[in-house]
Protein backbone atom coordinates (compact mmCIF):
# COMPACT_ATOMS: atom_id res chain seq x y z
CA MET A 1 95.13 178.11 207.27
CA LEU A 2 92.81 178.54 204.30
CA ILE A 3 93.40 174.94 203.33
CA ARG A 4 92.37 173.80 206.85
CA ILE A 5 89.14 175.80 206.78
CA LEU A 6 88.19 174.40 203.39
CA SER A 7 88.93 170.89 204.61
CA ILE A 8 86.61 171.37 207.60
CA VAL A 9 83.82 172.77 205.38
CA LEU A 10 84.12 169.86 202.96
CA LEU A 11 84.03 167.39 205.84
CA VAL A 12 80.87 168.93 207.23
CA LEU A 13 79.18 168.97 203.84
CA SER A 14 80.11 165.36 203.16
CA ALA A 15 78.67 164.29 206.48
CA ALA A 16 75.29 166.01 205.81
CA PRO A 17 72.65 164.02 203.86
CA LEU A 18 72.08 165.17 200.35
CA HIS A 19 68.24 165.13 200.83
CA ALA A 20 65.75 164.25 203.61
CA GLU A 21 64.13 160.81 203.38
CA PRO A 22 60.31 161.14 203.10
CA LYS A 23 58.26 159.63 205.86
CA PRO A 24 56.33 156.59 204.70
CA SER A 25 52.59 157.36 204.37
CA THR A 26 49.94 154.95 205.55
CA ASN A 27 46.62 154.69 203.76
CA ASN A 28 43.79 153.71 206.11
CA PRO A 29 40.75 151.90 204.69
CA PRO A 30 37.42 153.74 204.63
CA VAL A 31 34.55 152.81 206.94
CA ALA A 32 31.32 151.54 205.43
CA ASN A 33 28.00 152.39 207.17
CA ALA A 34 24.95 150.78 205.60
CA GLY A 35 22.51 152.70 207.83
CA GLU A 36 19.83 151.62 210.29
CA ASP A 37 17.59 148.62 209.68
CA ILE A 38 14.44 149.44 207.67
CA THR A 39 10.77 148.45 207.91
CA GLY A 40 8.73 148.70 204.75
CA ARG A 41 5.60 147.32 203.10
CA GLN A 42 4.75 145.41 199.99
CA GLY A 43 4.47 147.49 196.82
CA SER A 44 6.56 150.41 198.16
CA SER A 45 9.97 151.67 197.08
CA ILE A 46 12.68 151.36 199.73
CA THR A 47 15.83 153.50 199.77
CA LEU A 48 19.04 152.32 201.50
CA ASN A 49 21.32 154.97 203.02
CA GLY A 50 25.10 154.58 203.21
CA SER A 51 25.79 158.31 203.45
CA ALA A 52 27.29 157.94 206.95
CA SER A 53 30.26 156.09 205.43
CA HIS A 54 33.57 157.96 205.72
CA ASP A 55 37.34 157.82 205.07
CA PRO A 56 39.64 158.66 208.03
CA ASP A 57 42.26 160.09 205.63
CA GLY A 58 39.77 162.31 203.86
CA ASP A 59 40.06 160.37 200.61
CA ASN A 60 37.18 160.15 198.19
CA PHE A 61 35.65 156.70 197.90
CA SER A 62 33.19 154.72 195.80
CA TYR A 63 30.17 152.67 196.90
CA ARG A 64 29.35 149.05 196.00
CA TRP A 65 26.02 147.54 197.21
CA SER A 66 24.99 143.91 196.82
CA GLN A 67 22.09 141.78 197.95
CA LEU A 68 22.74 138.87 200.29
CA THR A 69 19.31 137.38 201.10
CA GLY A 70 15.64 137.66 200.15
CA ASP A 71 13.80 137.42 196.86
CA LYS A 72 15.97 138.85 194.16
CA VAL A 73 15.31 142.56 193.50
CA GLU A 74 16.76 145.11 191.08
CA LEU A 75 18.87 147.47 193.15
CA LYS A 76 18.92 150.74 191.27
CA SER A 77 21.87 153.16 191.57
CA ALA A 78 23.81 150.41 193.28
CA ASN A 79 27.02 152.46 193.17
CA SER A 80 25.58 155.49 194.95
CA PRO A 81 25.17 156.15 198.67
CA THR A 82 21.40 155.84 198.36
CA PRO A 83 20.29 152.98 196.12
CA TYR A 84 16.66 151.90 196.03
CA PHE A 85 14.48 149.01 194.98
CA ASP A 86 10.78 148.22 194.51
CA VAL A 87 9.42 145.64 196.94
CA PRO A 88 7.98 142.59 195.10
CA PRO A 89 4.90 140.65 196.28
CA ILE A 90 5.61 139.16 199.70
CA LYS A 91 4.43 135.78 200.98
CA PRO A 92 2.36 135.49 204.21
CA GLY A 93 4.59 136.07 207.21
CA GLY A 94 6.57 138.86 205.58
CA GLY A 95 10.02 138.94 204.00
CA ILE A 96 13.56 139.87 204.95
CA PHE A 97 16.12 141.42 202.63
CA ILE A 98 19.79 141.87 203.61
CA PHE A 99 22.12 144.16 201.65
CA LYS A 100 25.89 144.56 201.94
CA LEU A 101 27.84 147.80 201.52
CA GLU A 102 31.53 148.07 200.75
CA VAL A 103 33.41 151.33 200.07
CA THR A 104 36.81 151.70 198.38
CA ASP A 105 39.02 154.80 198.49
CA ASP A 106 40.65 156.40 195.45
CA ASN A 107 44.27 156.20 196.64
CA LYS A 108 46.21 155.39 193.46
CA ASP A 109 49.24 153.82 195.18
CA ASP A 110 47.46 151.72 197.77
CA PRO A 111 43.63 151.62 197.38
CA LYS A 112 41.85 150.22 200.38
CA THR A 113 38.39 148.64 200.72
CA SER A 114 36.33 148.82 203.91
CA THR A 115 35.06 145.98 206.02
CA PRO A 116 31.55 145.19 204.76
CA ASP A 117 28.53 146.53 206.64
CA THR A 118 24.99 145.20 206.25
CA VAL A 119 21.45 146.50 206.58
CA ILE A 120 18.31 144.44 207.10
CA VAL A 121 15.02 145.38 205.44
CA HIS A 122 11.85 143.87 207.03
CA VAL A 123 8.80 143.87 204.80
CA ALA A 124 5.24 142.98 205.94
CA SER A 125 2.91 141.08 203.67
CA ASP A 126 -0.41 142.62 202.70
CA ILE A 127 -2.10 139.29 203.38
CA ASP A 128 -0.94 138.84 206.94
CA PRO A 129 -3.84 138.80 209.44
CA PRO A 130 -4.10 140.98 212.50
CA ASN A 131 -2.53 139.66 215.69
CA CYS A 132 -5.19 138.25 218.08
CA LYS A 133 -2.76 136.77 220.54
CA ARG A 134 -2.19 140.06 222.40
CA ALA A 135 -5.90 140.62 223.07
CA LEU A 136 -6.91 141.83 226.54
CA PRO A 137 -10.29 142.55 228.14
CA SER A 138 -10.97 146.07 229.34
CA LYS A 139 -11.74 144.53 232.74
CA VAL A 140 -10.17 141.29 233.94
CA SER A 141 -12.60 140.83 236.82
CA LEU A 142 -16.04 142.05 237.92
CA ARG A 143 -16.88 143.38 241.38
CA PRO A 144 -18.99 143.66 243.46
CA LEU A 145 -21.38 140.68 243.08
CA ASP A 146 -24.43 142.83 242.50
CA SER A 147 -25.80 141.05 239.41
CA LYS A 148 -25.40 144.22 237.32
CA MET A 149 -24.16 144.23 233.75
CA HIS A 150 -20.73 145.60 232.98
CA ALA A 151 -19.52 146.65 229.55
CA ILE A 152 -16.40 144.82 228.39
CA LYS A 153 -14.35 145.73 225.40
CA ILE A 154 -11.50 143.78 223.78
CA LYS A 155 -8.30 145.79 223.63
CA ASN A 156 -4.84 145.46 222.04
CA VAL A 157 -5.92 143.77 218.80
CA VAL A 158 -4.27 145.73 216.02
CA ASP A 159 -2.72 145.09 212.65
CA ASP A 160 1.03 145.16 212.98
CA ARG A 161 1.33 147.24 209.82
CA ASP A 162 0.92 150.96 210.19
CA PHE A 163 -1.04 151.27 206.98
CA TYR A 164 -3.92 149.17 208.48
CA ASN A 165 -4.62 151.06 211.69
CA ILE A 166 -7.78 149.39 212.88
CA ALA A 167 -8.79 145.75 213.14
CA ILE A 168 -12.56 145.16 212.98
CA LEU A 169 -13.67 143.00 215.87
CA ASP A 170 -16.71 140.73 215.98
CA ILE A 171 -17.65 138.96 219.20
CA VAL A 172 -19.02 135.58 218.14
CA LYS A 173 -19.67 133.73 221.38
CA VAL A 174 -19.67 134.17 225.13
CA THR A 175 -19.56 131.16 227.49
CA GLN A 176 -19.16 130.57 231.24
CA ASP A 177 -18.39 127.76 233.64
CA GLU A 178 -21.60 128.11 235.75
CA PRO A 179 -25.23 127.58 234.71
CA VAL A 180 -27.15 130.63 233.62
CA LEU A 181 -29.68 131.31 236.34
CA GLY A 182 -33.21 132.18 235.38
CA GLU A 183 -35.95 134.24 237.03
CA GLY A 184 -36.54 133.07 240.56
CA TYR A 185 -32.86 132.85 241.51
CA GLY A 186 -32.54 136.56 242.23
CA SER A 187 -31.44 137.55 238.70
CA ASN A 188 -32.60 137.05 235.16
CA GLY A 189 -30.58 135.49 232.37
CA PRO A 190 -28.92 135.92 230.03
CA ASP A 191 -25.61 136.74 231.70
CA ALA A 192 -24.05 138.22 228.54
CA VAL A 193 -25.42 140.51 225.82
CA ILE A 194 -23.27 141.11 222.76
CA GLN A 195 -23.30 144.78 221.71
CA VAL A 196 -22.94 144.91 217.91
CA ALA A 197 -21.06 147.97 216.73
CA ASP A 198 -18.81 149.19 213.90
CA PRO A 199 -15.93 148.69 213.87
CA VAL A 200 -15.56 147.04 217.28
CA ASP A 201 -18.05 144.89 219.21
CA SER A 202 -18.33 144.92 222.99
CA VAL A 203 -20.28 142.76 225.43
CA LEU A 204 -22.27 143.25 228.67
CA LEU A 205 -21.36 140.69 231.37
CA ARG A 206 -23.24 140.07 234.62
CA ALA A 207 -21.31 140.44 237.88
CA GLU A 208 -22.61 137.26 239.36
CA ALA A 209 -21.26 134.00 240.74
CA GLY A 210 -22.58 131.04 242.71
CA LYS A 211 -22.29 131.64 246.42
CA ASP A 212 -20.90 128.20 247.25
CA GLY A 213 -18.61 127.74 244.22
CA ASN A 214 -15.13 128.95 243.30
CA GLY A 215 -16.27 131.96 241.32
CA ARG A 216 -17.30 132.34 237.69
CA VAL A 217 -15.16 132.61 234.56
CA TYR A 218 -16.46 134.07 231.26
CA ARG A 219 -14.77 133.45 227.93
CA ILE A 220 -15.33 135.91 225.10
CA ASP A 221 -14.54 134.46 221.61
CA PHE A 222 -13.98 136.92 218.77
CA THR A 223 -12.66 137.39 215.29
CA ALA A 224 -10.65 140.31 213.94
CA THR A 225 -10.10 141.38 210.32
CA ASP A 226 -8.16 144.12 208.56
CA GLY A 227 -10.40 143.86 205.53
CA PHE A 228 -8.20 141.22 203.93
CA GLU A 229 -7.40 138.47 206.39
CA LYS A 230 -8.71 137.59 209.83
CA CYS A 231 -7.59 135.98 213.08
CA GLU A 232 -9.49 134.35 215.97
CA GLY A 233 -8.97 134.77 219.66
CA SER A 234 -10.54 134.82 223.11
CA VAL A 235 -10.21 136.64 226.43
CA MET A 236 -11.24 135.62 229.93
CA VAL A 237 -13.10 137.67 232.56
CA SER A 238 -13.48 136.36 236.07
CA VAL A 239 -16.03 137.01 238.79
CA PRO A 240 -14.43 136.11 242.16
CA ASN A 241 -16.81 134.67 244.76
CA GLY A 242 -16.91 137.24 247.55
CA GLN A 243 -14.53 140.02 248.59
CA ASN A 244 -12.12 137.63 250.33
CA LYS A 245 -11.30 135.74 247.10
CA ASN A 246 -9.29 137.55 244.47
CA TYR A 247 -9.59 134.93 241.78
CA ALA A 248 -12.00 132.47 240.15
CA VAL A 249 -11.36 128.93 238.88
CA ASP A 250 -12.46 127.89 235.40
CA ASP A 251 -14.44 124.66 235.73
CA GLY A 252 -15.03 124.35 232.00
CA GLN A 253 -16.89 126.57 229.50
CA ASN A 254 -20.03 124.51 229.36
CA TYR A 255 -22.77 127.14 229.29
CA ASP A 256 -23.82 129.75 226.74
CA SER A 257 -23.93 133.05 228.56
CA THR A 258 -26.19 134.67 225.94
CA LYS A 259 -29.12 132.31 226.51
CA PRO A 260 -31.84 132.81 229.15
CA GLY A 261 -31.53 130.67 232.22
CA GLU A 262 -34.11 128.19 233.41
CA ALA A 263 -36.45 129.08 236.24
CA PRO A 264 -36.30 126.80 239.28
CA SER A 265 -38.84 123.99 239.26
CA LEU A 266 -41.53 124.09 241.92
CA THR A 267 -42.06 121.02 244.08
CA LEU A 268 -45.51 120.75 245.67
CA ASP A 269 -45.87 119.06 249.03
CA PRO A 270 -48.32 116.15 249.03
């Protein structure tokens, strides 16, 4: 009986594994995050930020930054989450720098490196002029046709760089597509008077148009400067002919609005 019991015990023990097999571990690669794109200016110091990078397994990891495009710069602390560089002189039109970040975990058995992530750094040049293409008049049309003067300012001309907040505007010429009428026609020229001011000029325009024409169109030519460079532009202001017409047609800017008009000639009957 005892021999049978011992045989059963030995049989059970021999069937049992001597030790449990360890489950194979999987090392996941870390995730690189090079941060949001950055806008900077010439002469400044720009810091990249990869601190949002992480490892799904909780492993420690190292940083490796490298420059892909742009004028070559010295990337300081390139193996840290927040390297930085000094922006060199930038050509007109600005510059673009692209940097790549890779992170590698410290797993001794199976180290993994992340998929690269990139960040773009946009840098404006100090010698770029303001943008005159977005200019708008404070009034696009003048009503009613009462021959009164209306103040017009030019809006939306700014320097695209936040460190030059104001563009200085000079109105250099005002023209129109109808003759300037002199005394004797019901109004006195000129039809435009440039108001010189600092830092922004404005102009007075007359709400007047020929009764039998297709309305009047003024063109205001101006320059804008940020103290370094300048741009040139123009805006249009219309004077529709009558309340039933909502637009005017430009027949050609052939007349200087700032000059006095000519009085009508008198014809004597014989």
